[in-house]
C-alpha atoms as a PDB file:
ATOM      1  CA  MET A   1      14.777 -28.123  33.909  1.00  0.00           C
ATOM      2  CA  LEU A   2      14.201 -30.732  31.216  1.00  0.00           C
ATOM      3  CA  MET A   3      10.402 -29.629  30.720  1.00  0.00           C
ATOM      4  CA  ILE A   4      11.277 -26.270  30.184  1.00  0.00           C
ATOM      5  CA  SER A   5      13.723 -26.874  27.426  1.00  0.00           C
ATOM      6  CA  ARG A   6      10.786 -28.948  25.855  1.00  0.00           C
ATOM      7  CA  PHE A   7       9.109 -26.059  25.928  1.00  0.00           C
ATOM      8  CA  LYS A   8      11.353 -23.663  24.842  1.00  0.00           C
ATOM      9  CA  PHE A   9      12.041 -25.884  21.501  1.00  0.00           C
ATOM     10  CA  THR A  10       8.592 -26.434  20.800  1.00  0.00           C
ATOM     11  CA  ALA A  11       7.311 -22.685  21.203  1.00  0.00           C
ATOM     12  CA  ILE A  12      10.406 -22.362  18.636  1.00  0.00           C
ATOM     13  CA  ILE A  13       9.176 -24.823  16.305  1.00  0.00           C
ATOM     14  CA  VAL A  14       5.679 -23.181  16.614  1.00  0.00           C
ATOM     15  CA  LEU A  15       6.882 -19.313  15.970  1.00  0.00           C
ATOM     16  CA  THR A  16       9.102 -20.612  13.307  1.00  0.00           C
ATOM     17  CA  THR A  17       6.056 -22.447  11.524  1.00  0.00           C
ATOM     18  CA  PHE A  18       3.839 -19.449  11.909  1.00  0.00           C
ATOM     19  CA  LEU A  19       6.618 -17.003  10.349  1.00  0.00           C
ATOM     20  CA  ALA A  20       7.360 -18.971   7.503  1.00  0.00           C
ATOM     21  CA  ILE A  21       3.645 -19.566   7.064  1.00  0.00           C
ATOM     22  CA  GLY A  22       3.172 -15.732   7.219  1.00  0.00           C
ATOM     23  CA  CYS A  23       6.097 -14.745   5.153  1.00  0.00           C
ATOM     24  CA  SER A  24       4.977 -17.452   2.279  1.00  0.00           C
ATOM     25  CA  LEU A  25       1.282 -15.483   2.090  1.00  0.00           C
ATOM     26  CA  THR A  26       2.958 -11.965   2.003  1.00  0.00           C
ATOM     27  CA  GLU A  27       5.002 -13.227  -0.968  1.00  0.00           C
ATOM     28  CA  SER A  28       2.067 -14.820  -2.708  1.00  0.00           C
ATOM     29  CA  GLN A  29      -0.006 -11.459  -2.154  1.00  0.00           C
ATOM     30  CA  LEU A  30       3.378  -9.653  -3.579  1.00  0.00           C
ATOM     31  CA  GLU A  31       3.650 -11.613  -6.429  1.00  0.00           C
ATOM     32  CA  LYS A  32      -0.491 -11.507  -6.987  1.00  0.00           C
ATOM     33  CA  ASP A  33      -0.051  -7.413  -6.485  1.00  0.00           C
ATOM     34  CA  LYS A  34       2.401  -7.586  -9.124  1.00  0.00           C
ATOM     35  CA  LEU A  35       0.430  -9.803 -11.376  1.00  0.00           C
ATOM     36  CA  ALA A  36      -2.158  -7.657 -11.274  1.00  0.00           C
ATOM     37  CA  ALA A  37      -0.090  -4.583 -11.686  1.00  0.00           C
ATOM     38  CA  GLU A  38       1.351  -5.785 -15.181  1.00  0.00           C
ATOM     39  CA  ILE A  39      -1.721  -7.043 -16.489  1.00  0.00           C
ATOM     40  CA  LYS A  40      -3.147  -3.019 -16.040  1.00  0.00           C
ATOM     41  CA  ILE A  41      -0.442  -1.935 -17.842  1.00  0.00           C
ATOM     42  CA  LYS A  42      -0.632  -4.321 -20.790  1.00  0.00           C
ATOM     43  CA  LYS A  43      -4.350  -3.659 -21.061  1.00  0.00           C
ATOM     44  CA  GLU A  44      -3.497   0.179 -20.983  1.00  0.00           C
ATOM     45  CA  ASN A  45      -0.945  -0.075 -23.434  1.00  0.00           C
ATOM     46  CA  TYR A  46      -3.193  -2.082 -25.950  1.00  0.00           C
ATOM     47  CA  ALA A  47      -6.293   0.265 -25.321  1.00  0.00           C
ATOM     48  CA  ASN A  48      -3.868   3.134 -26.112  1.00  0.00           C
ATOM     49  CA  LEU A  49      -2.377   1.423 -29.131  1.00  0.00           C
ATOM     50  CA  HIS A  50      -5.849   0.637 -30.518  1.00  0.00           C
ATOM     51  CA  GLN A  51      -6.710   4.398 -30.000  1.00  0.00           C
ATOM     52  CA  GLN A  52      -3.623   5.362 -32.087  1.00  0.00           C
ATOM     53  CA  ILE A  53      -4.631   2.821 -35.036  1.00  0.00           C
ATOM     54  CA  THR A  54      -8.137   3.949 -35.243  1.00  0.00           C
ATOM     55  CA  SER A  55      -7.792   7.671 -34.945  1.00  0.00           C
ATOM     56  CA  LYS A  56      -5.169   7.756 -37.363  1.00  0.00           C
ATOM     57  CA  LYS A  57      -2.607   8.673 -35.046  1.00  0.00           C
ATOM     58  CA  LEU A  58       0.187   5.898 -35.666  1.00  0.00           C
ATOM     59  CA  GLN A  59       3.009   7.007 -37.839  1.00  0.00           C
ATOM     60  CA  LYS A  60       4.714   4.602 -40.117  1.00  0.00           C
ATOM     61  CA  ALA A  61       8.702   4.888 -39.836  1.00  0.00           C
ATOM     62  CA  LEU A  62       8.693   4.945 -35.915  1.00  0.00           C
ATOM     63  CA  SER A  63      11.564   2.522 -34.715  1.00  0.00           C
ATOM     64  CA  LYS A  64      11.049  -0.635 -32.649  1.00  0.00           C
ATOM     65  CA  GLU A  65      12.505   1.580 -29.589  1.00  0.00           C
ATOM     66  CA  GLU A  66      10.008   4.138 -30.363  1.00  0.00           C
ATOM     67  CA  ILE A  67       7.125   1.856 -30.289  1.00  0.00           C
ATOM     68  CA  LYS A  68       8.473  -0.073 -27.119  1.00  0.00           C
ATOM     69  CA  ALA A  69       8.402   2.906 -25.047  1.00  0.00           C
ATOM     70  CA  GLN A  70       4.889   3.819 -26.104  1.00  0.00           C
ATOM     71  CA  PHE A  71       3.542   0.712 -25.848  1.00  0.00           C
ATOM     72  CA  GLY A  72       5.678  -1.936 -23.925  1.00  0.00           C
ATOM     73  CA  GLU A  73       6.882  -5.168 -24.814  1.00  0.00           C
ATOM     74  CA  PRO A  74       4.788  -7.224 -27.623  1.00  0.00           C
ATOM     75  CA  ASP A  75       3.438 -10.245 -26.510  1.00  0.00           C
ATOM     76  CA  ASN A  76       4.765 -12.145 -29.337  1.00  0.00           C
ATOM     77  CA  VAL A  77       7.947 -11.605 -31.857  1.00  0.00           C
ATOM     78  CA  PHE A  78       8.093 -13.568 -35.329  1.00  0.00           C
ATOM     79  CA  ARG A  79      11.297 -12.811 -37.160  1.00  0.00           C
ATOM     80  CA  SER A  80      12.205 -13.393 -41.097  1.00  0.00           C
ATOM     81  CA  GLY A  81      15.224 -11.945 -43.322  1.00  0.00           C
ATOM     82  CA  SER A  82      17.908 -12.013 -45.668  1.00  0.00           C
ATOM     83  CA  SER A  83      21.241 -10.483 -46.089  1.00  0.00           C
ATOM     84  CA  VAL A  84      19.245  -7.430 -47.714  1.00  0.00           C
ATOM     85  CA  SER A  85      16.702  -6.882 -45.062  1.00  0.00           C
ATOM     86  CA  SER A  86      15.128  -8.361 -41.830  1.00  0.00           C
ATOM     87  CA  MET A  87      11.309  -8.326 -40.878  1.00  0.00           C
ATOM     88  CA  GLU A  88       9.759  -8.245 -37.746  1.00  0.00           C
ATOM     89  CA  ILE A  89       5.884  -8.751 -36.595  1.00  0.00           C
ATOM     90  CA  TRP A  90       5.318  -7.543 -32.973  1.00  0.00           C
ATOM     91  CA  ALA A  91       1.902  -8.733 -31.731  1.00  0.00           C
ATOM     92  CA  TYR A  92       0.022  -7.199 -29.098  1.00  0.00           C
ATOM     93  CA  GLU A  93      -2.529  -9.181 -27.582  1.00  0.00           C
ATOM     94  CA  LYS A  94      -6.009  -7.787 -25.856  1.00  0.00           C
ATOM     95  CA  ILE A  95      -6.068  -9.483 -22.479  1.00  0.00           C
ATOM     96  CA  LEU A  96      -9.745 -10.436 -21.953  1.00  0.00           C
ATOM     97  CA  ASP A  97     -11.623  -9.963 -18.691  1.00  0.00           C
ATOM     98  CA  LYS A  98     -13.507 -13.196 -17.056  1.00  0.00           C
ATOM     99  CA  LYS A  99     -17.033 -11.340 -18.207  1.00  0.00           C
ATOM    100  CA  GLU A 100     -15.878 -10.666 -21.754  1.00  0.00           C
ATOM    101  CA  ILE A 101     -16.878 -13.223 -24.348  1.00  0.00           C
ATOM    102  CA  GLY A 102     -15.310 -13.556 -27.905  1.00  0.00           C
ATOM    103  CA  ASP A 103     -12.377 -14.531 -29.745  1.00  0.00           C
ATOM    104  CA  ARG A 104      -8.950 -13.438 -28.915  1.00  0.00           C
ATOM    105  CA  GLU A 105      -7.887  -9.878 -30.277  1.00  0.00           C
ATOM    106  CA  SER A 106      -4.530  -8.827 -31.457  1.00  0.00           C
ATOM    107  CA  ILE A 107      -2.702  -6.084 -33.165  1.00  0.00           C
ATOM    108  CA  ARG A 108       0.293  -7.087 -35.664  1.00  0.00           C
ATOM    109  CA  LEU A 109       2.964  -4.541 -35.915  1.00  0.00           C
ATOM    110  CA  TYR A 110       5.250  -4.885 -38.978  1.00  0.00           C
ATOM    111  CA  PHE A 111       8.751  -3.723 -39.140  1.00  0.00           C
ATOM    112  CA  ASP A 112      11.191  -3.694 -41.640  1.00  0.00           C
ATOM    113  CA  ASN A 113      14.821  -2.965 -41.011  1.00  0.00           C
ATOM    114  CA  ASP A 114      13.775  -1.454 -37.400  1.00  0.00           C
ATOM    115  CA  LYS A 115      11.035   0.851 -38.988  1.00  0.00           C
ATOM    116  CA  LEU A 116       7.458   0.522 -38.840  1.00  0.00           C
ATOM    117  CA  ILE A 117       5.668  -0.237 -42.472  1.00  0.00           C
ATOM    118  CA  THR A 118       2.321  -1.350 -41.554  1.00  0.00           C
ATOM    119  CA  TRP A 119      -0.340  -2.767 -39.156  1.00  0.00           C
ATOM    120  CA  LYS A 120      -3.281  -4.912 -38.634  1.00  0.00           C
ATOM    121  CA  PHE A 121      -5.829  -5.776 -36.284  1.00  0.00           C
END
């Protein structure tokens, strides 16, 4: 009777260990897949923004919410302001692939009182 109990105990420990390892591997893969999907979206958003600028389709006076809806969240936001106006610079960074060589590229959008006034890249 004692041997069966030890066997059951050992079996439970082994099965629990395998389940824990399996679950952590699945969670790790899910995290990798989620990150890959986010990177893909960021690349698409950057390419779309770049295309809008180079084809002269991006319009001044768009609101920050309109920009965010079209191109997603910026990678960095720089703020300055006074009691009269507020300035923000949004930076969208290009994500380089491993095989791409070169300096980092970014597009900067300049807002005054929540409206797009200019851009640089």
